[in-house]
Full PDB file with SEQRES, HELIX, SHEET, SSBOND, CRYST1, ORIGX, SCALE, CONECT and MASTER records, all heavy atoms in Angstrom:
SEQRES   1 A   34  GLY MET TYR ARG PRO VAL PHE GLU GLU LEU ASP ILE VAL          
SEQRES   2 A   34  TYR GLU ASP ASP LEU LEU LEU ILE VAL ASN LYS PRO PRO          
SEQRES   3 A   34  PHE LEU PRO VAL TYR PRO ALA HIS                              
SHEET    1 AA1 2 ILE A  12  GLU A  15  0                                        
SHEET    2 AA1 2 LEU A  20  VAL A  22 -1                                        
CRYST1    1.000    1.000    1.000  90.00  90.00  90.00 P 1           1          
ORIGX1      1.000000  0.000000  0.000000        0.00000                         
ORIGX2      0.000000  1.000000  0.000000        0.00000                         
ORIGX3      0.000000  0.000000  1.000000        0.00000                         
SCALE1      1.000000  0.000000  0.000000        0.00000                         
SCALE2      0.000000  1.000000  0.000000        0.00000                         
SCALE3      0.000000  0.000000  1.000000        0.00000                         
ATOM      1  N   GLY A   1       0.788  -1.227   0.000  1.00  0.00           N  
ATOM      2  CA  GLY A   1       0.000   0.000   0.000  1.00  0.00           C  
ATOM      3  C   GLY A   1       0.815   1.270   0.000  1.00  0.00           C  
ATOM      4  O   GLY A   1       0.266   2.361   0.192  1.00  0.00           O  
ATOM      5  N   MET A   2       2.113   1.169  -0.243  1.00  0.00           N  
ATOM      6  CA  MET A   2       2.969   2.365  -0.205  1.00  0.00           C  
ATOM      7  C   MET A   2       2.599   3.354  -1.316  1.00  0.00           C  
ATOM      8  O   MET A   2       2.659   4.573  -1.123  1.00  0.00           O  
ATOM      9  CB  MET A   2       4.433   1.960  -0.315  1.00  0.00           C  
ATOM     10  CG  MET A   2       5.399   3.130  -0.211  1.00  0.00           C  
ATOM     11  SD  MET A   2       7.131   2.622  -0.156  1.00  0.00           S  
ATOM     12  CE  MET A   2       7.188   1.800   1.434  1.00  0.00           C  
ATOM     13  N   TYR A   3       2.226   2.831  -2.478  1.00  0.00           N  
ATOM     14  CA  TYR A   3       1.883   3.692  -3.610  1.00  0.00           C  
ATOM     15  C   TYR A   3       0.456   3.365  -4.065  1.00  0.00           C  
ATOM     16  O   TYR A   3       0.195   2.271  -4.559  1.00  0.00           O  
ATOM     17  CB  TYR A   3       2.859   3.485  -4.763  1.00  0.00           C  
ATOM     18  CG  TYR A   3       4.301   3.671  -4.367  1.00  0.00           C  
ATOM     19  CD1 TYR A   3       5.164   2.577  -4.268  1.00  0.00           C  
ATOM     20  CD2 TYR A   3       4.801   4.932  -4.063  1.00  0.00           C  
ATOM     21  CE1 TYR A   3       6.484   2.742  -3.895  1.00  0.00           C  
ATOM     22  CE2 TYR A   3       6.122   5.102  -3.681  1.00  0.00           C  
ATOM     23  CZ  TYR A   3       6.956   4.009  -3.599  1.00  0.00           C  
ATOM     24  OH  TYR A   3       8.264   4.159  -3.216  1.00  0.00           O  
ATOM     25  N   ARG A   4      -0.435   4.323  -3.892  1.00  0.00           N  
ATOM     26  CA  ARG A   4      -1.819   4.092  -4.294  1.00  0.00           C  
ATOM     27  C   ARG A   4      -1.907   3.938  -5.810  1.00  0.00           C  
ATOM     28  O   ARG A   4      -1.240   4.667  -6.558  1.00  0.00           O  
ATOM     29  CB  ARG A   4      -2.698   5.258  -3.837  1.00  0.00           C  
ATOM     30  CG  ARG A   4      -2.974   5.251  -2.337  1.00  0.00           C  
ATOM     31  CD  ARG A   4      -4.077   6.226  -1.999  1.00  0.00           C  
ATOM     32  NE  ARG A   4      -3.633   7.606  -2.167  1.00  0.00           N  
ATOM     33  CZ  ARG A   4      -4.460   8.656  -2.156  1.00  0.00           C  
ATOM     34  NH1 ARG A   4      -5.757   8.476  -2.018  1.00  0.00           N  
ATOM     35  NH2 ARG A   4      -3.989   9.868  -2.296  1.00  0.00           N  
ATOM     36  N   PRO A   5      -2.711   2.992  -6.287  1.00  0.00           N  
ATOM     37  CA  PRO A   5      -2.769   2.761  -7.734  1.00  0.00           C  
ATOM     38  C   PRO A   5      -3.396   3.923  -8.493  1.00  0.00           C  
ATOM     39  O   PRO A   5      -4.407   4.482  -8.084  1.00  0.00           O  
ATOM     40  CB  PRO A   5      -3.629   1.495  -7.853  1.00  0.00           C  
ATOM     41  CG  PRO A   5      -4.386   1.403  -6.581  1.00  0.00           C  
ATOM     42  CD  PRO A   5      -3.538   2.029  -5.538  1.00  0.00           C  
ATOM     43  N   VAL A   6      -2.753   4.298  -9.584  1.00  0.00           N  
ATOM     44  CA  VAL A   6      -3.273   5.297 -10.523  1.00  0.00           C  
ATOM     45  C   VAL A   6      -3.326   4.624 -11.887  1.00  0.00           C  
ATOM     46  O   VAL A   6      -2.319   4.093 -12.366  1.00  0.00           O  
ATOM     47  CB  VAL A   6      -2.377   6.555 -10.567  1.00  0.00           C  
ATOM     48  CG1 VAL A   6      -2.841   7.498 -11.660  1.00  0.00           C  
ATOM     49  CG2 VAL A   6      -2.378   7.256  -9.214  1.00  0.00           C  
ATOM     50  N   PHE A   7      -4.472   4.652 -12.520  1.00  0.00           N  
ATOM     51  CA  PHE A   7      -4.670   3.895 -13.753  1.00  0.00           C  
ATOM     52  C   PHE A   7      -4.437   4.804 -14.961  1.00  0.00           C  
ATOM     53  O   PHE A   7      -5.365   5.241 -15.635  1.00  0.00           O  
ATOM     54  CB  PHE A   7      -6.061   3.267 -13.765  1.00  0.00           C  
ATOM     55  CG  PHE A   7      -6.259   2.304 -12.620  1.00  0.00           C  
ATOM     56  CD1 PHE A   7      -6.842   2.725 -11.427  1.00  0.00           C  
ATOM     57  CD2 PHE A   7      -5.829   0.992 -12.713  1.00  0.00           C  
ATOM     58  CE1 PHE A   7      -7.013   1.847 -10.363  1.00  0.00           C  
ATOM     59  CE2 PHE A   7      -5.979   0.108 -11.653  1.00  0.00           C  
ATOM     60  CZ  PHE A   7      -6.580   0.537 -10.478  1.00  0.00           C  
ATOM     61  N   GLU A   8      -3.157   5.086 -15.195  1.00  0.00           N  
ATOM     62  CA  GLU A   8      -2.727   5.867 -16.350  1.00  0.00           C  
ATOM     63  C   GLU A   8      -1.967   4.955 -17.306  1.00  0.00           C  
ATOM     64  O   GLU A   8      -1.464   3.904 -16.914  1.00  0.00           O  
ATOM     65  CB  GLU A   8      -1.837   7.028 -15.908  1.00  0.00           C  
ATOM     66  CG  GLU A   8      -2.534   8.108 -15.101  1.00  0.00           C  
ATOM     67  CD  GLU A   8      -3.390   9.026 -15.957  1.00  0.00           C  
ATOM     68  OE1 GLU A   8      -3.273   8.949 -17.210  1.00  0.00           O  
ATOM     69  OE2 GLU A   8      -4.168   9.801 -15.381  1.00  0.00           O  
ATOM     70  N   GLU A   9      -1.891   5.384 -18.549  1.00  0.00           N  
ATOM     71  CA  GLU A   9      -1.171   4.597 -19.551  1.00  0.00           C  
ATOM     72  C   GLU A   9       0.295   4.464 -19.161  1.00  0.00           C  
ATOM     73  O   GLU A   9       0.930   5.438 -18.731  1.00  0.00           O  
ATOM     74  CB  GLU A   9      -1.286   5.253 -20.925  1.00  0.00           C  
ATOM     75  CG  GLU A   9      -0.640   4.459 -22.047  1.00  0.00           C  
ATOM     76  CD  GLU A   9      -0.820   5.092 -23.406  1.00  0.00           C  
ATOM     77  OE1 GLU A   9      -1.588   6.080 -23.498  1.00  0.00           O  
ATOM     78  OE2 GLU A   9      -0.200   4.616 -24.373  1.00  0.00           O  
ATOM     79  N   LEU A  10       0.829   3.252 -19.298  1.00  0.00           N  
ATOM     80  CA  LEU A  10       2.211   2.967 -18.931  1.00  0.00           C  
ATOM     81  C   LEU A  10       2.930   2.421 -20.159  1.00  0.00           C  
ATOM     82  O   LEU A  10       2.444   1.490 -20.810  1.00  0.00           O  
ATOM     83  CB  LEU A  10       2.225   1.935 -17.804  1.00  0.00           C  
ATOM     84  CG  LEU A  10       3.513   1.776 -16.986  1.00  0.00           C  
ATOM     85  CD1 LEU A  10       3.835   3.061 -16.234  1.00  0.00           C  
ATOM     86  CD2 LEU A  10       3.366   0.617 -16.006  1.00  0.00           C  
ATOM     87  N   ASP A  11       4.073   2.998 -20.488  1.00  0.00           N  
ATOM     88  CA  ASP A  11       4.854   2.560 -21.649  1.00  0.00           C  
ATOM     89  C   ASP A  11       5.819   1.463 -21.203  1.00  0.00           C  
ATOM     90  O   ASP A  11       6.916   1.733 -20.718  1.00  0.00           O  
ATOM     91  CB  ASP A  11       5.611   3.756 -22.236  1.00  0.00           C  
ATOM     92  CG  ASP A  11       6.368   3.398 -23.509  1.00  0.00           C  
ATOM     93  OD1 ASP A  11       6.222   2.258 -24.003  1.00  0.00           O  
ATOM     94  OD2 ASP A  11       7.114   4.260 -24.015  1.00  0.00           O  
ATOM     95  N   ILE A  12       5.403   0.215 -21.387  1.00  0.00           N  
ATOM     96  CA  ILE A  12       6.199  -0.935 -20.965  1.00  0.00           C  
ATOM     97  C   ILE A  12       7.090  -1.393 -22.122  1.00  0.00           C  
ATOM     98  O   ILE A  12       6.601  -1.667 -23.210  1.00  0.00           O  
ATOM     99  CB  ILE A  12       5.291  -2.088 -20.511  1.00  0.00           C  
ATOM    100  CG1 ILE A  12       4.454  -1.657 -19.301  1.00  0.00           C  
ATOM    101  CG2 ILE A  12       6.106  -3.330 -20.163  1.00  0.00           C  
ATOM    102  CD1 ILE A  12       3.371  -2.639 -18.934  1.00  0.00           C  
ATOM    103  N   VAL A  13       8.390  -1.479 -21.874  1.00  0.00           N  
ATOM    104  CA  VAL A  13       9.312  -1.901 -22.926  1.00  0.00           C  
ATOM    105  C   VAL A  13       9.855  -3.306 -22.699  1.00  0.00           C  
ATOM    106  O   VAL A  13      10.384  -3.935 -23.610  1.00  0.00           O  
ATOM    107  CB  VAL A  13      10.478  -0.900 -23.092  1.00  0.00           C  
ATOM    108  CG1 VAL A  13       9.965   0.433 -23.614  1.00  0.00           C  
ATOM    109  CG2 VAL A  13      11.224  -0.694 -21.785  1.00  0.00           C  
ATOM    110  N   TYR A  14       9.733  -3.812 -21.468  1.00  0.00           N  
ATOM    111  CA  TYR A  14      10.127  -5.199 -21.181  1.00  0.00           C  
ATOM    112  C   TYR A  14       9.401  -5.650 -19.923  1.00  0.00           C  
ATOM    113  O   TYR A  14       9.285  -4.898 -18.956  1.00  0.00           O  
ATOM    114  CB  TYR A  14      11.637  -5.328 -20.969  1.00  0.00           C  
ATOM    115  CG  TYR A  14      12.059  -6.757 -20.658  1.00  0.00           C  
ATOM    116  CD1 TYR A  14      12.327  -7.651 -21.688  1.00  0.00           C  
ATOM    117  CD2 TYR A  14      12.143  -7.209 -19.343  1.00  0.00           C  
ATOM    118  CE1 TYR A  14      12.677  -8.976 -21.413  1.00  0.00           C  
ATOM    119  CE2 TYR A  14      12.487  -8.519 -19.067  1.00  0.00           C  
ATOM    120  CZ  TYR A  14      12.754  -9.394 -20.095  1.00  0.00           C  
ATOM    121  OH  TYR A  14      13.088 -10.697 -19.823  1.00  0.00           O  
ATOM    122  N   GLU A  15       8.950  -6.918 -19.942  1.00  0.00           N  
ATOM    123  CA  GLU A  15       8.321  -7.463 -18.741  1.00  0.00           C  
ATOM    124  C   GLU A  15       8.427  -8.983 -18.739  1.00  0.00           C  
ATOM    125  O   GLU A  15       8.265  -9.640 -19.772  1.00  0.00           O  
ATOM    126  CB  GLU A  15       6.845  -7.076 -18.666  1.00  0.00           C  
ATOM    127  CG  GLU A  15       6.165  -7.561 -17.391  1.00  0.00           C  
ATOM    128  CD  GLU A  15       4.714  -7.145 -17.265  1.00  0.00           C  
ATOM    129  OE1 GLU A  15       4.120  -6.723 -18.286  1.00  0.00           O  
ATOM    130  OE2 GLU A  15       4.176  -7.232 -16.145  1.00  0.00           O  
ATOM    131  N   ASP A  16       8.740  -9.534 -17.571  1.00  0.00           N  
ATOM    132  CA  ASP A  16       8.597 -10.960 -17.312  1.00  0.00           C  
ATOM    133  C   ASP A  16       8.181 -11.118 -15.850  1.00  0.00           C  
ATOM    134  O   ASP A  16       7.761 -10.140 -15.219  1.00  0.00           O  
ATOM    135  CB  ASP A  16       9.872 -11.749 -17.671  1.00  0.00           C  
ATOM    136  CG  ASP A  16      11.103 -11.302 -16.888  1.00  0.00           C  
ATOM    137  OD1 ASP A  16      10.952 -10.804 -15.741  1.00  0.00           O  
ATOM    138  OD2 ASP A  16      12.232 -11.448 -17.393  1.00  0.00           O  
ATOM    139  N   ASP A  17       8.282 -12.315 -15.298  1.00  0.00           N  
ATOM    140  CA  ASP A  17       7.820 -12.542 -13.927  1.00  0.00           C  
ATOM    141  C   ASP A  17       8.780 -12.031 -12.865  1.00  0.00           C  
ATOM    142  O   ASP A  17       8.494 -12.128 -11.672  1.00  0.00           O  
ATOM    143  CB  ASP A  17       7.546 -14.032 -13.701  1.00  0.00           C  
ATOM    144  CG  ASP A  17       6.266 -14.491 -14.382  1.00  0.00           C  
ATOM    145  OD1 ASP A  17       5.356 -13.661 -14.543  1.00  0.00           O  
ATOM    146  OD2 ASP A  17       6.188 -15.680 -14.766  1.00  0.00           O  
ATOM    147  N   LEU A  18       9.919 -11.465 -13.290  1.00  0.00           N  
ATOM    148  CA  LEU A  18      10.871 -10.879 -12.341  1.00  0.00           C  
ATOM    149  C   LEU A  18      11.019  -9.378 -12.530  1.00  0.00           C  
ATOM    150  O   LEU A  18      11.057  -8.628 -11.558  1.00  0.00           O  
ATOM    151  CB  LEU A  18      12.248 -11.546 -12.491  1.00  0.00           C  
ATOM    152  CG  LEU A  18      13.334 -11.029 -11.543  1.00  0.00           C  
ATOM    153  CD1 LEU A  18      13.024 -11.422 -10.100  1.00  0.00           C  
ATOM    154  CD2 LEU A  18      14.711 -11.552 -11.958  1.00  0.00           C  
ATOM    155  N   LEU A  19      11.097  -8.942 -13.791  1.00  0.00           N  
ATOM    156  CA  LEU A  19      11.423  -7.556 -14.101  1.00  0.00           C  
ATOM    157  C   LEU A  19      10.282  -6.848 -14.829  1.00  0.00           C  
ATOM    158  O   LEU A  19       9.550  -7.455 -15.615  1.00  0.00           O  
ATOM    159  CB  LEU A  19      12.663  -7.492 -15.000  1.00  0.00           C  
ATOM    160  CG  LEU A  19      13.946  -8.140 -14.486  1.00  0.00           C  
ATOM    161  CD1 LEU A  19      15.018  -8.073 -15.558  1.00  0.00           C  
ATOM    162  CD2 LEU A  19      14.422  -7.458 -13.210  1.00  0.00           C  
ATOM    163  N   LEU A  20      10.189  -5.552 -14.577  1.00  0.00           N  
ATOM    164  CA  LEU A  20       9.332  -4.659 -15.349  1.00  0.00           C  
ATOM    165  C   LEU A  20      10.175  -3.434 -15.682  1.00  0.00           C  
ATOM    166  O   LEU A  20      10.705  -2.784 -14.769  1.00  0.00           O  
ATOM    167  CB  LEU A  20       8.093  -4.252 -14.547  1.00  0.00           C  
ATOM    168  CG  LEU A  20       7.159  -3.249 -15.227  1.00  0.00           C  
ATOM    169  CD1 LEU A  20       6.411  -3.901 -16.379  1.00  0.00           C  
ATOM    170  CD2 LEU A  20       6.171  -2.659 -14.222  1.00  0.00           C  
ATOM    171  N   ILE A  21      10.341  -3.143 -16.961  1.00  0.00           N  
ATOM    172  CA  ILE A  21      11.106  -1.967 -17.378  1.00  0.00           C  
ATOM    173  C   ILE A  21      10.167  -1.056 -18.152  1.00  0.00           C  
ATOM    174  O   ILE A  21       9.561  -1.472 -19.146  1.00  0.00           O  
ATOM    175  CB  ILE A  21      12.332  -2.346 -18.238  1.00  0.00           C  
ATOM    176  CG1 ILE A  21      13.217  -3.353 -17.489  1.00  0.00           C  
ATOM    177  CG2 ILE A  21      13.134  -1.091 -18.588  1.00  0.00           C  
ATOM    178  CD1 ILE A  21      14.437  -3.812 -18.273  1.00  0.00           C  
ATOM    179  N   VAL A  22      10.028   0.164 -17.670  1.00  0.00           N  
ATOM    180  CA  VAL A  22       9.074   1.099 -18.265  1.00  0.00           C  
ATOM    181  C   VAL A  22       9.780   2.370 -18.704  1.00  0.00           C  
ATOM    182  O   VAL A  22      10.844   2.735 -18.200  1.00  0.00           O  
ATOM    183  CB  VAL A  22       7.925   1.435 -17.287  1.00  0.00           C  
ATOM    184  CG1 VAL A  22       7.179   0.176 -16.880  1.00  0.00           C  
ATOM    185  CG2 VAL A  22       8.448   2.145 -16.056  1.00  0.00           C  
ATOM    186  N   ASN A  23       9.159   3.050 -19.662  1.00  0.00           N  
ATOM    187  CA  ASN A  23       9.682   4.289 -20.211  1.00  0.00           C  
ATOM    188  C   ASN A  23       8.974   5.450 -19.521  1.00  0.00           C  
ATOM    189  O   ASN A  23       7.780   5.683 -19.746  1.00  0.00           O  
ATOM    190  CB  ASN A  23       9.441   4.310 -21.723  1.00  0.00           C  
ATOM    191  CG  ASN A  23      10.142   5.461 -22.406  1.00  0.00           C  
ATOM    192  OD1 ASN A  23      11.171   5.945 -21.935  1.00  0.00           O  
ATOM    193  ND2 ASN A  23       9.591   5.915 -23.517  1.00  0.00           N  
ATOM    194  N   LYS A  24       9.701   6.157 -18.663  1.00  0.00           N  
ATOM    195  CA  LYS A  24       9.112   7.266 -17.899  1.00  0.00           C  
ATOM    196  C   LYS A  24       9.033   8.527 -18.760  1.00  0.00           C  
ATOM    197  O   LYS A  24      10.026   8.932 -19.359  1.00  0.00           O  
ATOM    198  CB  LYS A  24       9.966   7.555 -16.659  1.00  0.00           C  
ATOM    199  CG  LYS A  24       9.366   8.632 -15.754  1.00  0.00           C  
ATOM    200  CD  LYS A  24      10.262   8.951 -14.569  1.00  0.00           C  
ATOM    201  CE  LYS A  24      11.331   9.968 -14.911  1.00  0.00           C  
ATOM    202  NZ  LYS A  24      10.773  11.324 -15.186  1.00  0.00           N  
ATOM    203  N   PRO A  25       7.867   9.162 -18.824  1.00  0.00           N  
ATOM    204  CA  PRO A  25       7.796  10.439 -19.536  1.00  0.00           C  
ATOM    205  C   PRO A  25       8.447  11.551 -18.719  1.00  0.00           C  
ATOM    206  O   PRO A  25       8.631  11.411 -17.506  1.00  0.00           O  
ATOM    207  CB  PRO A  25       6.289  10.672 -19.673  1.00  0.00           C  
ATOM    208  CG  PRO A  25       5.692   9.945 -18.516  1.00  0.00           C  
ATOM    209  CD  PRO A  25       6.574   8.751 -18.275  1.00  0.00           C  
ATOM    210  N   PRO A  26       8.794  12.656 -19.357  1.00  0.00           N  
ATOM    211  CA  PRO A  26       9.331  13.787 -18.581  1.00  0.00           C  
ATOM    212  C   PRO A  26       8.259  14.382 -17.683  1.00  0.00           C  
ATOM    213  O   PRO A  26       7.059  14.163 -17.877  1.00  0.00           O  
ATOM    214  CB  PRO A  26       9.764  14.776 -19.671  1.00  0.00           C  
ATOM    215  CG  PRO A  26       8.910  14.452 -20.849  1.00  0.00           C  
ATOM    216  CD  PRO A  26       8.700  12.962 -20.799  1.00  0.00           C  
ATOM    217  N   PHE A  27       8.711  15.125 -16.674  1.00  0.00           N  
ATOM    218  CA  PHE A  27       7.849  15.834 -15.729  1.00  0.00           C  
ATOM    219  C   PHE A  27       7.057  14.891 -14.820  1.00  0.00           C  
ATOM    220  O   PHE A  27       6.030  15.282 -14.263  1.00  0.00           O  
ATOM    221  CB  PHE A  27       6.881  16.788 -16.458  1.00  0.00           C  
ATOM    222  CG  PHE A  27       7.542  17.628 -17.506  1.00  0.00           C  
ATOM    223  CD1 PHE A  27       7.250  17.451 -18.848  1.00  0.00           C  
ATOM    224  CD2 PHE A  27       8.486  18.586 -17.161  1.00  0.00           C  
ATOM    225  CE1 PHE A  27       7.872  18.214 -19.829  1.00  0.00           C  
ATOM    226  CE2 PHE A  27       9.119  19.355 -18.128  1.00  0.00           C  
ATOM    227  CZ  PHE A  27       8.808  19.166 -19.465  1.00  0.00           C  
ATOM    228  N   LEU A  28       7.557  13.658 -14.662  1.00  0.00           N  
ATOM    229  CA  LEU A  28       6.899  12.707 -13.777  1.00  0.00           C  
ATOM    230  C   LEU A  28       7.946  12.149 -12.811  1.00  0.00           C  
ATOM    231  O   LEU A  28       8.921  11.532 -13.243  1.00  0.00           O  
ATOM    232  CB  LEU A  28       6.272  11.567 -14.587  1.00  0.00           C  
ATOM    233  CG  LEU A  28       5.506  10.515 -13.779  1.00  0.00           C  
ATOM    234  CD1 LEU A  28       4.225  11.111 -13.205  1.00  0.00           C  
ATOM    235  CD2 LEU A  28       5.189   9.300 -14.640  1.00  0.00           C  
ATOM    236  N   PRO A  29       7.769  12.330 -11.502  1.00  0.00           N  
ATOM    237  CA  PRO A  29       8.728  11.753 -10.546  1.00  0.00           C  
ATOM    238  C   PRO A  29       8.660  10.231 -10.565  1.00  0.00           C  
ATOM    239  O   PRO A  29       7.620   9.646 -10.883  1.00  0.00           O  
ATOM    240  CB  PRO A  29       8.253  12.300  -9.187  1.00  0.00           C  
ATOM    241  CG  PRO A  29       7.290  13.397  -9.491  1.00  0.00           C  
ATOM    242  CD  PRO A  29       6.703  13.093 -10.829  1.00  0.00           C  
ATOM    243  N   VAL A  30       9.757   9.578 -10.210  1.00  0.00           N  
ATOM    244  CA  VAL A  30       9.737   8.124 -10.081  1.00  0.00           C  
ATOM    245  C   VAL A  30       8.886   7.722  -8.888  1.00  0.00           C  
ATOM    246  O   VAL A  30       8.151   6.732  -8.931  1.00  0.00           O  
ATOM    247  CB  VAL A  30      11.166   7.566  -9.953  1.00  0.00           C  
ATOM    248  CG1 VAL A  30      11.153   6.082  -9.579  1.00  0.00           C  
ATOM    249  CG2 VAL A  30      11.933   7.751 -11.268  1.00  0.00           C  
ATOM    250  N   TYR A  31       8.950   8.478  -7.804  1.00  0.00           N  
ATOM    251  CA  TYR A  31       8.132   8.198  -6.623  1.00  0.00           C  
ATOM    252  C   TYR A  31       7.581   9.521  -6.093  1.00  0.00           C  
ATOM    253  O   TYR A  31       8.163  10.593  -6.337  1.00  0.00           O  
ATOM    254  CB  TYR A  31       8.947   7.473  -5.544  1.00  0.00           C  
ATOM    255  CG  TYR A  31      10.136   8.251  -5.031  1.00  0.00           C  
ATOM    256  CD1 TYR A  31      10.022   9.042  -3.895  1.00  0.00           C  
ATOM    257  CD2 TYR A  31      11.362   8.200  -5.686  1.00  0.00           C  
ATOM    258  CE1 TYR A  31      11.112   9.768  -3.431  1.00  0.00           C  
ATOM    259  CE2 TYR A  31      12.448   8.917  -5.224  1.00  0.00           C  
ATOM    260  CZ  TYR A  31      12.318   9.698  -4.100  1.00  0.00           C  
ATOM    261  OH  TYR A  31      13.392  10.422  -3.640  1.00  0.00           O  
ATOM    262  N   PRO A  32       6.460   9.499  -5.376  1.00  0.00           N  
ATOM    263  CA  PRO A  32       5.837  10.752  -4.935  1.00  0.00           C  
ATOM    264  C   PRO A  32       6.570  11.384  -3.761  1.00  0.00           C  
ATOM    265  O   PRO A  32       7.292  10.719  -3.022  1.00  0.00           O  
ATOM    266  CB  PRO A  32       4.425  10.302  -4.520  1.00  0.00           C  
ATOM    267  CG  PRO A  32       4.600   8.874  -4.112  1.00  0.00           C  
ATOM    268  CD  PRO A  32       5.673   8.312  -5.001  1.00  0.00           C  
ATOM    269  N   ALA A  33       6.339  12.669  -3.583  1.00  0.00           N  
ATOM    270  CA  ALA A  33       6.971  13.406  -2.483  1.00  0.00           C  
ATOM    271  C   ALA A  33       6.418  12.980  -1.138  1.00  0.00           C  
ATOM    272  O   ALA A  33       7.121  13.004  -0.137  1.00  0.00           O  
ATOM    273  CB  ALA A  33       6.775  14.905  -2.689  1.00  0.00           C  
ATOM    274  N   HIS A  34       5.160  12.578  -1.095  1.00  0.00           N  
ATOM    275  CA  HIS A  34       4.540  12.090   0.139  1.00  0.00           C  
ATOM    276  C   HIS A  34       3.449  11.109  -0.249  1.00  0.00           C  
ATOM    277  O   HIS A  34       3.028  11.032  -1.409  1.00  0.00           O  
ATOM    278  CB  HIS A  34       3.988  13.236   0.990  1.00  0.00           C  
ATOM    279  CG  HIS A  34       3.129  14.194   0.223  1.00  0.00           C  
ATOM    280  ND1 HIS A  34       1.795  13.955  -0.062  1.00  0.00           N  
ATOM    281  CD2 HIS A  34       3.423  15.395  -0.354  1.00  0.00           C  
ATOM    282  CE1 HIS A  34       1.310  14.953  -0.758  1.00  0.00           C  
ATOM    283  NE2 HIS A  34       2.266  15.851  -0.951  1.00  0.00           N  
TER     284      HIS A  34                                                      
MASTER        0    0    0    0    2    0    0    6  283    1    0    3          
END                                                                             
């Protein structure tokens, strides 16, 4: 529950059962300030 789900489009470039690699757009933090 650390990060509440937000249902926005996600640019996924690789995924398997261990890793998820996504393409972050500009002006978006990796994690929230609070």
